[in-house]
Amino acid sequence: MTTAHLDENLARFNHPKDLIVVEELPRDPGGKVVEPKLRAAYGSKDAGSIH
């Protein structure tokens, strides 16, 4: 994704702060993505939020 593409398609506040590319997503035997493993490896989805 480029900044120009993001500017054309998303409001500025929706631009991602980080983009991590991985070879393969962790999946369970049913084929669903195992989100807790992603959060453990790469951080929480709320890591950048202010509460």
C-alpha atoms as a PDB file:
ATOM      1  CA  MET A   1       0.000   0.000   0.000  1.00  0.00           C
ATOM      2  CA  THR A   2       1.207   3.425  -0.793  1.00  0.00           C
ATOM      3  CA  THR A   3       0.339   6.699   0.856  1.00  0.00           C
ATOM      4  CA  ALA A   4      -1.368   7.878  -2.353  1.00  0.00           C
ATOM      5  CA  HIS A   5      -3.589   4.783  -2.406  1.00  0.00           C
ATOM      6  CA  LEU A   6      -4.507   5.296   1.244  1.00  0.00           C
ATOM      7  CA  ASP A   7      -5.237   9.001   0.693  1.00  0.00           C
ATOM      8  CA  GLU A   8      -7.599   8.155  -2.149  1.00  0.00           C
ATOM      9  CA  ASN A   9      -9.468   5.401  -0.303  1.00  0.00           C
ATOM     10  CA  LEU A  10      -9.367   6.139   3.429  1.00  0.00           C
ATOM     11  CA  ALA A  11      -9.769   9.086   5.740  1.00  0.00           C
ATOM     12  CA  ARG A  12      -6.454  10.115   7.297  1.00  0.00           C
ATOM     13  CA  PHE A  13      -7.425   8.845  10.763  1.00  0.00           C
ATOM     14  CA  ASN A  14      -8.047   5.366   9.273  1.00  0.00           C
ATOM     15  CA  HIS A  15      -4.545   5.013   7.806  1.00  0.00           C
ATOM     16  CA  PRO A  16      -2.676   2.126   9.444  1.00  0.00           C
ATOM     17  CA  LYS A  17       0.175   3.120  11.735  1.00  0.00           C
ATOM     18  CA  ASP A  18       2.076  -0.100  11.048  1.00  0.00           C
ATOM     19  CA  LEU A  19       1.943  -2.807   8.437  1.00  0.00           C
ATOM     20  CA  ILE A  20       3.483  -6.181   9.181  1.00  0.00           C
ATOM     21  CA  VAL A  21       3.751  -8.717   6.358  1.00  0.00           C
ATOM     22  CA  VAL A  22       4.009 -12.355   7.379  1.00  0.00           C
ATOM     23  CA  GLU A  23       4.524 -15.468   5.285  1.00  0.00           C
ATOM     24  CA  GLU A  24       1.623 -17.369   6.821  1.00  0.00           C
ATOM     25  CA  LEU A  25      -1.105 -16.692   9.366  1.00  0.00           C
ATOM     26  CA  PRO A  26      -1.516 -19.114  12.294  1.00  0.00           C
ATOM     27  CA  ARG A  27      -4.657 -21.178  11.741  1.00  0.00           C
ATOM     28  CA  ASP A  28      -6.559 -23.711  13.793  1.00  0.00           C
ATOM     29  CA  PRO A  29      -7.526 -27.148  12.394  1.00  0.00           C
ATOM     30  CA  GLY A  30     -10.788 -25.641  11.091  1.00  0.00           C
ATOM     31  CA  GLY A  31      -8.898 -23.071   9.025  1.00  0.00           C
ATOM     32  CA  LYS A  32      -9.726 -20.012  11.137  1.00  0.00           C
ATOM     33  CA  VAL A  33      -7.018 -17.473  11.963  1.00  0.00           C
ATOM     34  CA  VAL A  34      -5.856 -17.795  15.588  1.00  0.00           C
ATOM     35  CA  GLU A  35      -5.909 -14.136  16.619  1.00  0.00           C
ATOM     36  CA  PRO A  36      -4.454 -14.590  20.133  1.00  0.00           C
ATOM     37  CA  LYS A  37      -1.273 -16.007  18.566  1.00  0.00           C
ATOM     38  CA  LEU A  38      -1.044 -12.969  16.265  1.00  0.00           C
ATOM     39  CA  ARG A  39      -1.522 -10.587  19.176  1.00  0.00           C
ATOM     40  CA  ALA A  40       1.099 -12.427  21.229  1.00  0.00           C
ATOM     41  CA  ALA A  41       3.616 -12.284  18.386  1.00  0.00           C
ATOM     42  CA  TYR A  42       2.932  -8.800  17.006  1.00  0.00           C
ATOM     43  CA  GLY A  43       1.045  -6.868  19.667  1.00  0.00           C
ATOM     44  CA  SER A  44      -2.508  -6.119  20.633  1.00  0.00           C
ATOM     45  CA  LYS A  45      -4.990  -4.426  18.319  1.00  0.00           C
ATOM     46  CA  ASP A  46      -5.333  -1.801  21.092  1.00  0.00           C
ATOM     47  CA  ALA A  47      -1.598  -1.177  21.441  1.00  0.00           C
ATOM     48  CA  GLY A  48      -1.812   2.302  19.927  1.00  0.00           C
ATOM     49  CA  SER A  49      -5.046   3.358  21.609  1.00  0.00           C
ATOM     50  CA  ILE A  50      -5.349   5.874  24.399  1.00  0.00           C
ATOM     51  CA  HIS A  51      -7.845   4.951  27.112  1.00  0.00           C
END
